Amino acid sequence: MTSTASEPATNREFVKQSSLYQEFLAEREEILKHKWLESERLGYDIGFERALLDWIRKHREGWRAARRQQQLVASGQGSQPPFTGDKPNSPSA
């Protein structure tokens, strides 16, 4: 069995650069923000598990949809009109 201490640094860097890990970190950051806001609102620390479950129930779907849209726009795919198969109008002579 291998330990993380003996794992090559390149493997760790590959994981850190993976899109799945980046999504995990972004979602975790949103959960922590939610935990802070709800704890402030209620006047006590609600804990990570409660914040996680509450965020999933109330905000995850919308957050993911907004994030997908942002990624499409950033890649240039979301700013173009949908393809309809029609040829552009040519000027009449």
PDB file of N, CA and C in Angstrom:
ATOM      1  N   MET A   1       0.843  -1.174   0.000  1.00  0.00           N
ATOM      2  CA  MET A   1       0.000   0.000   0.000  1.00  0.00           C
ATOM      3  C   MET A   1       0.891   1.242   0.000  1.00  0.00           C
ATOM      4  N   THR A   2       0.558   2.223  -0.831  1.00  0.00           N
ATOM      5  CA  THR A   2       1.380   3.421  -0.917  1.00  0.00           C
ATOM      6  C   THR A   2       0.802   4.517  -0.048  1.00  0.00           C
ATOM      7  N   SER A   3       1.667   5.333   0.475  1.00  0.00           N
ATOM      8  CA  SER A   3       1.225   6.469   1.277  1.00  0.00           C
ATOM      9  C   SER A   3       1.385   7.737   0.459  1.00  0.00           C
ATOM     10  N   THR A   4       0.711   8.777   0.883  1.00  0.00           N
ATOM     11  CA  THR A   4       0.804  10.038   0.163  1.00  0.00           C
ATOM     12  C   THR A   4       2.195  10.647   0.273  1.00  0.00           C
ATOM     13  N   ALA A   5       2.926  10.318   1.310  1.00  0.00           N
ATOM     14  CA  ALA A   5       4.280  10.859   1.466  1.00  0.00           C
ATOM     15  C   ALA A   5       5.193  10.321   0.370  1.00  0.00           C
ATOM     16  N   SER A   6       4.971   9.075  -0.064  1.00  0.00           N
ATOM     17  CA  SER A   6       5.812   8.492  -1.101  1.00  0.00           C
ATOM     18  C   SER A   6       5.240   8.718  -2.501  1.00  0.00           C
ATOM     19  N   GLU A   7       4.071   9.303  -2.580  1.00  0.00           N
ATOM     20  CA  GLU A   7       3.446   9.576  -3.872  1.00  0.00           C
ATOM     21  C   GLU A   7       4.224  10.677  -4.593  1.00  0.00           C
ATOM     22  N   PRO A   8       4.514  10.486  -5.870  1.00  0.00           N
ATOM     23  CA  PRO A   8       5.258  11.525  -6.596  1.00  0.00           C
ATOM     24  C   PRO A   8       4.504  12.852  -6.608  1.00  0.00           C
ATOM     25  N   ALA A   9       5.257  13.925  -6.543  1.00  0.00           N
ATOM     26  CA  ALA A   9       4.661  15.266  -6.528  1.00  0.00           C
ATOM     27  C   ALA A   9       3.859  15.524  -7.791  1.00  0.00           C
ATOM     28  N   THR A  10       4.259  14.944  -8.902  1.00  0.00           N
ATOM     29  CA  THR A  10       3.528  15.164 -10.150  1.00  0.00           C
ATOM     30  C   THR A  10       2.120  14.611 -10.066  1.00  0.00           C
ATOM     31  N   ASN A  11       1.922  13.510  -9.372  1.00  0.00           N
ATOM     32  CA  ASN A  11       0.573  12.954  -9.206  1.00  0.00           C
ATOM     33  C   ASN A  11      -0.297  13.876  -8.356  1.00  0.00           C
ATOM     34  N   ARG A  12       0.276  14.416  -7.293  1.00  0.00           N
ATOM     35  CA  ARG A  12      -0.472  15.345  -6.445  1.00  0.00           C
ATOM     36  C   ARG A  12      -0.844  16.597  -7.229  1.00  0.00           C
ATOM     37  N   GLU A  13       0.081  17.098  -8.037  1.00  0.00           N
ATOM     38  CA  GLU A  13      -0.190  18.290  -8.844  1.00  0.00           C
ATOM     39  C   GLU A  13      -1.266  17.998  -9.885  1.00  0.00           C
ATOM     40  N   PHE A  14      -1.239  16.808 -10.462  1.00  0.00           N
ATOM     41  CA  PHE A  14      -2.263  16.421 -11.440  1.00  0.00           C
ATOM     42  C   PHE A  14      -3.645  16.453 -10.802  1.00  0.00           C
ATOM     43  N   VAL A  15      -3.754  15.921  -9.598  1.00  0.00           N
ATOM     44  CA  VAL A  15      -5.036  15.919  -8.892  1.00  0.00           C
ATOM     45  C   VAL A  15      -5.482  17.345  -8.606  1.00  0.00           C
ATOM     46  N   LYS A  16      -4.566  18.185  -8.147  1.00  0.00           N
ATOM     47  CA  LYS A  16      -4.911  19.572  -7.819  1.00  0.00           C
ATOM     48  C   LYS A  16      -5.377  20.342  -9.048  1.00  0.00           C
ATOM     49  N   GLN A  17      -4.890  19.973 -10.216  1.00  0.00           N
ATOM     50  CA  GLN A  17      -5.259  20.665 -11.451  1.00  0.00           C
ATOM     51  C   GLN A  17      -6.498  20.064 -12.115  1.00  0.00           C
ATOM     52  N   SER A  18      -6.986  18.943 -11.622  1.00  0.00           N
ATOM     53  CA  SER A  18      -8.127  18.296 -12.261  1.00  0.00           C
ATOM     54  C   SER A  18      -9.395  19.127 -12.084  1.00  0.00           C
ATOM     55  N   SER A  19     -10.254  19.079 -13.083  1.00  0.00           N
ATOM     56  CA  SER A  19     -11.494  19.858 -13.031  1.00  0.00           C
ATOM     57  C   SER A  19     -12.405  19.368 -11.906  1.00  0.00           C
ATOM     58  N   LEU A  20     -12.396  18.089 -11.624  1.00  0.00           N
ATOM     59  CA  LEU A  20     -13.222  17.550 -10.548  1.00  0.00           C
ATOM     60  C   LEU A  20     -12.798  18.128  -9.200  1.00  0.00           C
ATOM     61  N   TYR A  21     -11.498  18.185  -8.962  1.00  0.00           N
ATOM     62  CA  TYR A  21     -10.995  18.741  -7.711  1.00  0.00           C
ATOM     63  C   TYR A  21     -11.295  20.235  -7.624  1.00  0.00           C
ATOM     64  N   GLN A  22     -11.153  20.935  -8.735  1.00  0.00           N
ATOM     65  CA  GLN A  22     -11.457  22.366  -8.755  1.00  0.00           C
ATOM     66  C   GLN A  22     -12.930  22.618  -8.445  1.00  0.00           C
ATOM     67  N   GLU A  23     -13.821  21.785  -8.972  1.00  0.00           N
ATOM     68  CA  GLU A  23     -15.252  21.908  -8.670  1.00  0.00           C
ATOM     69  C   GLU A  23     -15.522  21.635  -7.197  1.00  0.00           C
ATOM     70  N   PHE A  24     -14.854  20.622  -6.650  1.00  0.00           N
ATOM     71  CA  PHE A  24     -14.994  20.310  -5.228  1.00  0.00           C
ATOM     72  C   PHE A  24     -14.592  21.513  -4.378  1.00  0.00           C
ATOM     73  N   LEU A  25     -13.451  22.128  -4.700  1.00  0.00           N
ATOM     74  CA  LEU A  25     -12.977  23.277  -3.923  1.00  0.00           C
ATOM     75  C   LEU A  25     -13.937  24.459  -4.029  1.00  0.00           C
ATOM     76  N   ALA A  26     -14.457  24.705  -5.217  1.00  0.00           N
ATOM     77  CA  ALA A  26     -15.387  25.831  -5.403  1.00  0.00           C
ATOM     78  C   ALA A  26     -16.670  25.595  -4.617  1.00  0.00           C
ATOM     79  N   GLU A  27     -17.184  24.362  -4.660  1.00  0.00           N
ATOM     80  CA  GLU A  27     -18.412  24.046  -3.928  1.00  0.00           C
ATOM     81  C   GLU A  27     -18.169  24.131  -2.421  1.00  0.00           C
ATOM     82  N   ARG A  28     -17.040  23.635  -1.975  1.00  0.00           N
ATOM     83  CA  ARG A  28     -16.700  23.699  -0.550  1.00  0.00           C
ATOM     84  C   ARG A  28     -16.639  25.149  -0.075  1.00  0.00           C
ATOM     85  N   GLU A  29     -16.067  26.023  -0.904  1.00  0.00           N
ATOM     86  CA  GLU A  29     -15.984  27.440  -0.559  1.00  0.00           C
ATOM     87  C   GLU A  29     -17.377  28.049  -0.397  1.00  0.00           C
ATOM     88  N   GLU A  30     -18.309  27.682  -1.271  1.00  0.00           N
ATOM     89  CA  GLU A  30     -19.682  28.181  -1.170  1.00  0.00           C
ATOM     90  C   GLU A  30     -20.368  27.679   0.095  1.00  0.00           C
ATOM     91  N   ILE A  31     -20.111  26.438   0.450  1.00  0.00           N
ATOM     92  CA  ILE A  31     -20.692  25.866   1.668  1.00  0.00           C
ATOM     93  C   ILE A  31     -20.158  26.600   2.895  1.00  0.00           C
ATOM     94  N   LEU A  32     -18.859  26.882   2.896  1.00  0.00           N
ATOM     95  CA  LEU A  32     -18.267  27.601   4.022  1.00  0.00           C
ATOM     96  C   LEU A  32     -18.823  29.025   4.127  1.00  0.00           C
ATOM     97  N   LYS A  33     -19.062  29.683   2.986  1.00  0.00           N
ATOM     98  CA  LYS A  33     -19.698  31.010   3.003  1.00  0.00           C
ATOM     99  C   LYS A  33     -21.100  30.912   3.591  1.00  0.00           C
ATOM    100  N   HIS A  34     -21.840  29.889   3.163  1.00  0.00           N
ATOM    101  CA  HIS A  34     -23.200  29.685   3.662  1.00  0.00           C
ATOM    102  C   HIS A  34     -23.175  29.435   5.171  1.00  0.00           C
ATOM    103  N   LYS A  35     -22.218  28.638   5.619  1.00  0.00           N
ATOM    104  CA  LYS A  35     -22.077  28.350   7.050  1.00  0.00           C
ATOM    105  C   LYS A  35     -21.836  29.635   7.824  1.00  0.00           C
ATOM    106  N   TRP A  36     -20.962  30.482   7.320  1.00  0.00           N
ATOM    107  CA  TRP A  36     -20.656  31.738   8.006  1.00  0.00           C
ATOM    108  C   TRP A  36     -21.893  32.636   8.046  1.00  0.00           C
ATOM    109  N   LEU A  37     -22.565  32.798   6.903  1.00  0.00           N
ATOM    110  CA  LEU A  37     -23.738  33.678   6.849  1.00  0.00           C
ATOM    111  C   LEU A  37     -24.867  33.188   7.765  1.00  0.00           C
ATOM    112  N   GLU A  38     -25.147  31.901   7.724  1.00  0.00           N
ATOM    113  CA  GLU A  38     -26.220  31.354   8.564  1.00  0.00           C
ATOM    114  C   GLU A  38     -25.851  31.412  10.043  1.00  0.00           C
ATOM    115  N   SER A  39     -24.584  31.160  10.350  1.00  0.00           N
ATOM    116  CA  SER A  39     -24.142  31.242  11.748  1.00  0.00           C
ATOM    117  C   SER A  39     -24.265  32.667  12.267  1.00  0.00           C
ATOM    118  N   GLU A  40     -23.903  33.641  11.437  1.00  0.00           N
ATOM    119  CA  GLU A  40     -24.050  35.048  11.825  1.00  0.00           C
ATOM    120  C   GLU A  40     -25.523  35.399  12.020  1.00  0.00           C
ATOM    121  N   ARG A  41     -26.352  34.934  11.113  1.00  0.00           N
ATOM    122  CA  ARG A  41     -27.784  35.243  11.189  1.00  0.00           C
ATOM    123  C   ARG A  41     -28.411  34.657  12.452  1.00  0.00           C
ATOM    124  N   LEU A  42     -28.030  33.438  12.800  1.00  0.00           N
ATOM    125  CA  LEU A  42     -28.624  32.760  13.945  1.00  0.00           C
ATOM    126  C   LEU A  42     -27.921  33.084  15.271  1.00  0.00           C
ATOM    127  N   GLY A  43     -26.712  33.598  15.200  1.00  0.00           N
ATOM    128  CA  GLY A  43     -26.002  33.979  16.410  1.00  0.00           C
ATOM    129  C   GLY A  43     -25.193  32.862  17.050  1.00  0.00           C
ATOM    130  N   TYR A  44     -25.029  31.751  16.349  1.00  0.00           N
ATOM    131  CA  TYR A  44     -24.182  30.657  16.841  1.00  0.00           C
ATOM    132  C   TYR A  44     -23.681  29.838  15.658  1.00  0.00           C
ATOM    133  N   ASP A  45     -22.604  29.099  15.876  1.00  0.00           N
ATOM    134  CA  ASP A  45     -22.001  28.281  14.825  1.00  0.00           C
ATOM    135  C   ASP A  45     -22.912  27.091  14.523  1.00  0.00           C
ATOM    136  N   ILE A  46     -23.387  27.013  13.287  1.00  0.00           N
ATOM    137  CA  ILE A  46     -24.304  25.919  12.928  1.00  0.00           C
ATOM    138  C   ILE A  46     -23.567  24.630  12.574  1.00  0.00           C
ATOM    139  N   GLY A  47     -22.261  24.701  12.387  1.00  0.00           N
ATOM    140  CA  GLY A  47     -21.477  23.519  12.055  1.00  0.00           C
ATOM    141  C   GLY A  47     -21.494  23.218  10.568  1.00  0.00           C
ATOM    142  N   PHE A  48     -20.458  22.523  10.117  1.00  0.00           N
ATOM    143  CA  PHE A  48     -20.309  22.258   8.688  1.00  0.00           C
ATOM    144  C   PHE A  48     -21.401  21.336   8.151  1.00  0.00           C
ATOM    145  N   GLU A  49     -21.729  20.290   8.890  1.00  0.00           N
ATOM    146  CA  GLU A  49     -22.708  19.320   8.380  1.00  0.00           C
ATOM    147  C   GLU A  49     -24.075  19.975   8.150  1.00  0.00           C
ATOM    148  N   ARG A  50     -24.525  20.762   9.106  1.00  0.00           N
ATOM    149  CA  ARG A  50     -25.814  21.436   8.941  1.00  0.00           C
ATOM    150  C   ARG A  50     -25.766  22.414   7.774  1.00  0.00           C
ATOM    151  N   ALA A  51     -24.653  23.162   7.664  1.00  0.00           N
ATOM    152  CA  ALA A  51     -24.493  24.107   6.565  1.00  0.00           C
ATOM    153  C   ALA A  51     -24.483  23.377   5.222  1.00  0.00           C
ATOM    154  N   LEU A  52     -23.791  22.258   5.168  1.00  0.00           N
ATOM    155  CA  LEU A  52     -23.730  21.451   3.945  1.00  0.00           C
ATOM    156  C   LEU A  52     -25.116  21.016   3.508  1.00  0.00           C
ATOM    157  N   LEU A  53     -25.853  20.399   4.418  1.00  0.00           N
ATOM    158  CA  LEU A  53     -27.186  19.894   4.074  1.00  0.00           C
ATOM    159  C   LEU A  53     -28.134  21.026   3.689  1.00  0.00           C
ATOM    160  N   ASP A  54     -28.065  22.145   4.399  1.00  0.00           N
ATOM    161  CA  ASP A  54     -28.919  23.285   4.106  1.00  0.00           C
ATOM    162  C   ASP A  54     -28.566  23.878   2.744  1.00  0.00           C
ATOM    163  N   TRP A  55     -27.278  24.016   2.455  1.00  0.00           N
ATOM    164  CA  TRP A  55     -26.832  24.576   1.184  1.00  0.00           C
ATOM    165  C   TRP A  55     -27.232  23.678   0.024  1.00  0.00           C
ATOM    166  N   ILE A  56     -27.064  22.373   0.184  1.00  0.00           N
ATOM    167  CA  ILE A  56     -27.466  21.431  -0.870  1.00  0.00           C
ATOM    168  C   ILE A  56     -28.950  21.574  -1.157  1.00  0.00           C
ATOM    169  N   ARG A  57     -29.746  21.631  -0.112  1.00  0.00           N
ATOM    170  CA  ARG A  57     -31.195  21.699  -0.263  1.00  0.00           C
ATOM    171  C   ARG A  57     -31.647  23.020  -0.884  1.00  0.00           C
ATOM    172  N   LYS A  58     -31.018  24.115  -0.499  1.00  0.00           N
ATOM    173  CA  LYS A  58     -31.498  25.436  -0.915  1.00  0.00           C
ATOM    174  C   LYS A  58     -30.765  26.043  -2.113  1.00  0.00           C
ATOM    175  N   HIS A  59     -29.481  25.739  -2.278  1.00  0.00           N
ATOM    176  CA  HIS A  59     -28.681  26.528  -3.217  1.00  0.00           C
ATOM    177  C   HIS A  59     -27.891  25.750  -4.260  1.00  0.00           C
ATOM    178  N   ARG A  60     -27.651  24.471  -4.075  1.00  0.00           N
ATOM    179  CA  ARG A  60     -26.729  23.742  -4.943  1.00  0.00           C
ATOM    180  C   ARG A  60     -27.157  23.744  -6.408  1.00  0.00           C
ATOM    181  N   GLU A  61     -28.404  23.460  -6.680  1.00  0.00           N
ATOM    182  CA  GLU A  61     -28.866  23.362  -8.062  1.00  0.00           C
ATOM    183  C   GLU A  61     -28.666  24.685  -8.806  1.00  0.00           C
ATOM    184  N   GLY A  62     -29.070  25.782  -8.187  1.00  0.00           N
ATOM    185  CA  GLY A  62     -28.907  27.092  -8.812  1.00  0.00           C
ATOM    186  C   GLY A  62     -27.449  27.480  -8.961  1.00  0.00           C
ATOM    187  N   TRP A  63     -26.632  27.171  -7.959  1.00  0.00           N
ATOM    188  CA  TRP A  63     -25.210  27.487  -8.020  1.00  0.00           C
ATOM    189  C   TRP A  63     -24.540  26.732  -9.160  1.00  0.00           C
ATOM    190  N   ARG A  64     -24.860  25.449  -9.294  1.00  0.00           N
ATOM    191  CA  ARG A  64     -24.265  24.652 -10.370  1.00  0.00           C
ATOM    192  C   ARG A  64     -24.694  25.161 -11.742  1.00  0.00           C
ATOM    193  N   ALA A  65     -25.958  25.510 -11.896  1.00  0.00           N
ATOM    194  CA  ALA A  65     -26.443  26.030 -13.180  1.00  0.00           C
ATOM    195  C   ALA A  65     -25.732  27.341 -13.527  1.00  0.00           C
ATOM    196  N   ALA A  66     -25.601  28.228 -12.559  1.00  0.00           N
ATOM    197  CA  ALA A  66     -24.917  29.502 -12.787  1.00  0.00           C
ATOM    198  C   ALA A  66     -23.446  29.276 -13.114  1.00  0.00           C
ATOM    199  N   ARG A  67     -22.818  28.348 -12.441  1.00  0.00           N
ATOM    200  CA  ARG A  67     -21.403  28.053 -12.688  1.00  0.00           C
ATOM    201  C   ARG A  67     -21.199  27.473 -14.090  1.00  0.00           C
ATOM    202  N   ARG A  68     -22.090  26.575 -14.500  1.00  0.00           N
ATOM    203  CA  ARG A  68     -21.997  26.020 -15.862  1.00  0.00           C
ATOM    204  C   ARG A  68     -22.138  27.137 -16.895  1.00  0.00           C
ATOM    205  N   GLN A  69     -23.075  28.048 -16.682  1.00  0.00           N
ATOM    206  CA  GLN A  69     -23.280  29.155 -17.607  1.00  0.00           C
ATOM    207  C   GLN A  69     -22.048  30.049 -17.657  1.00  0.00           C
ATOM    208  N   GLN A  70     -21.450  30.339 -16.509  1.00  0.00           N
ATOM    209  CA  GLN A  70     -20.237  31.155 -16.472  1.00  0.00           C
ATOM    210  C   GLN A  70     -19.109  30.478 -17.240  1.00  0.00           C
ATOM    211  N   GLN A  71     -18.984  29.167 -17.099  1.00  0.00           N
ATOM    212  CA  GLN A  71     -17.920  28.435 -17.784  1.00  0.00           C
ATOM    213  C   GLN A  71     -18.146  28.434 -19.290  1.00  0.00           C
ATOM    214  N   LEU A  72     -19.396  28.344 -19.730  1.00  0.00           N
ATOM    215  CA  LEU A  72     -19.695  28.396 -21.152  1.00  0.00           C
ATOM    216  C   LEU A  72     -19.355  29.763 -21.731  1.00  0.00           C
ATOM    217  N   VAL A  73     -19.728  30.806 -21.020  1.00  0.00           N
ATOM    218  CA  VAL A  73     -19.430  32.162 -21.481  1.00  0.00           C
ATOM    219  C   VAL A  73     -17.921  32.376 -21.521  1.00  0.00           C
ATOM    220  N   ALA A  74     -17.223  31.915 -20.502  1.00  0.00           N
ATOM    221  CA  ALA A  74     -15.770  32.080 -20.444  1.00  0.00           C
ATOM    222  C   ALA A  74     -15.074  31.330 -21.575  1.00  0.00           C
ATOM    223  N   SER A  75     -15.633  30.205 -22.005  1.00  0.00           N
ATOM    224  CA  SER A  75     -15.026  29.430 -23.083  1.00  0.00           C
ATOM    225  C   SER A  75     -15.454  29.928 -24.456  1.00  0.00           C
ATOM    226  N   GLY A  76     -16.372  30.905 -24.486  1.00  0.00           N
ATOM    227  CA  GLY A  76     -16.827  31.445 -25.749  1.00  0.00           C
ATOM    228  C   GLY A  76     -17.999  30.712 -26.350  1.00  0.00           C
ATOM    229  N   GLN A  77     -18.488  29.678 -25.691  1.00  0.00           N
ATOM    230  CA  GLN A  77     -19.589  28.884 -26.230  1.00  0.00           C
ATOM    231  C   GLN A  77     -20.950  29.462 -25.861  1.00  0.00           C
ATOM    232  N   GLY A  78     -21.016  30.182 -24.758  1.00  0.00           N
ATOM    233  CA  GLY A  78     -22.300  30.689 -24.290  1.00  0.00           C
ATOM    234  C   GLY A  78     -22.697  32.018 -24.895  1.00  0.00           C
ATOM    235  N   SER A  79     -21.775  32.679 -25.597  1.00  0.00           N
ATOM    236  CA  SER A  79     -22.078  34.004 -26.116  1.00  0.00           C
ATOM    237  C   SER A  79     -22.606  33.963 -27.543  1.00  0.00           C
ATOM    238  N   GLN A  80     -22.568  32.810 -28.195  1.00  0.00           N
ATOM    239  CA  GLN A  80     -23.036  32.703 -29.564  1.00  0.00           C
ATOM    240  C   GLN A  80     -24.490  32.280 -29.592  1.00  0.00           C
ATOM    241  N   PRO A  81     -25.257  32.767 -30.591  1.00  0.00           N
ATOM    242  CA  PRO A  81     -26.641  32.321 -30.694  1.00  0.00           C
ATOM    243  C   PRO A  81     -26.681  30.839 -31.057  1.00  0.00           C
ATOM    244  N   PRO A  82     -27.742  30.139 -30.686  1.00  0.00           N
ATOM    245  CA  PRO A  82     -27.806  28.712 -31.003  1.00  0.00           C
ATOM    246  C   PRO A  82     -27.853  28.493 -32.503  1.00  0.00           C
ATOM    247  N   PHE A  83     -27.250  27.420 -32.964  1.00  0.00           N
ATOM    248  CA  PHE A  83     -27.237  27.071 -34.383  1.00  0.00           C
ATOM    249  C   PHE A  83     -28.609  26.573 -34.797  1.00  0.00           C
ATOM    250  N   THR A  84     -29.160  27.174 -35.846  1.00  0.00           N
ATOM    251  CA  THR A  84     -30.493  26.767 -36.311  1.00  0.00           C
ATOM    252  C   THR A  84     -30.438  25.995 -37.612  1.00  0.00           C
ATOM    253  N   GLY A  85     -29.278  25.958 -38.248  1.00  0.00           N
ATOM    254  CA  GLY A  85     -29.159  25.252 -39.512  1.00  0.00           C
ATOM    255  C   GLY A  85     -29.463  26.138 -40.702  1.00  0.00           C
ATOM    256  N   ASP A  86     -29.936  27.345 -40.480  1.00  0.00           N
ATOM    257  CA  ASP A  86     -30.247  28.266 -41.565  1.00  0.00           C
ATOM    258  C   ASP A  86     -28.981  28.949 -42.050  1.00  0.00           C
ATOM    259  N   LYS A  87     -28.962  29.222 -43.354  1.00  0.00           N
ATOM    260  CA  LYS A  87     -27.851  29.975 -43.917  1.00  0.00           C
ATOM    261  C   LYS A  87     -28.112  31.462 -43.673  1.00  0.00           C
ATOM    262  N   PRO A  88     -27.053  32.237 -43.483  1.00  0.00           N
ATOM    263  CA  PRO A  88     -27.262  33.666 -43.294  1.00  0.00           C
ATOM    264  C   PRO A  88     -27.875  34.274 -44.559  1.00  0.00           C
ATOM    265  N   ASN A  89     -28.637  35.317 -44.358  1.00  0.00           N
ATOM    266  CA  ASN A  89     -29.263  35.998 -45.491  1.00  0.00           C
ATOM    267  C   ASN A  89     -28.187  36.639 -46.350  1.00  0.00           C
ATOM    268  N   SER A  90     -28.282  36.429 -47.648  1.00  0.00           N
ATOM    269  CA  SER A  90     -27.341  37.099 -48.548  1.00  0.00           C
ATOM    270  C   SER A  90     -28.038  38.290 -49.185  1.00  0.00           C
ATOM    271  N   PRO A  91     -27.302  39.364 -49.422  1.00  0.00           N
ATOM    272  CA  PRO A  91     -27.936  40.536 -50.002  1.00  0.00           C
ATOM    273  C   PRO A  91     -28.431  40.242 -51.419  1.00  0.00           C
ATOM    274  N   SER A  92     -29.571  40.790 -51.771  1.00  0.00           N
ATOM    275  CA  SER A  92     -30.126  40.607 -53.104  1.00  0.00           C
ATOM    276  C   SER A  92     -29.423  41.522 -54.076  1.00  0.00           C
ATOM    277  N   ALA A  93     -29.222  41.019 -55.281  1.00  0.00           N
ATOM    278  CA  ALA A  93     -28.567  41.829 -56.296  1.00  0.00           C
ATOM    279  C   ALA A  93     -29.566  42.615 -57.091  1.00  0.00           C
TER     280      ALA A  93
END
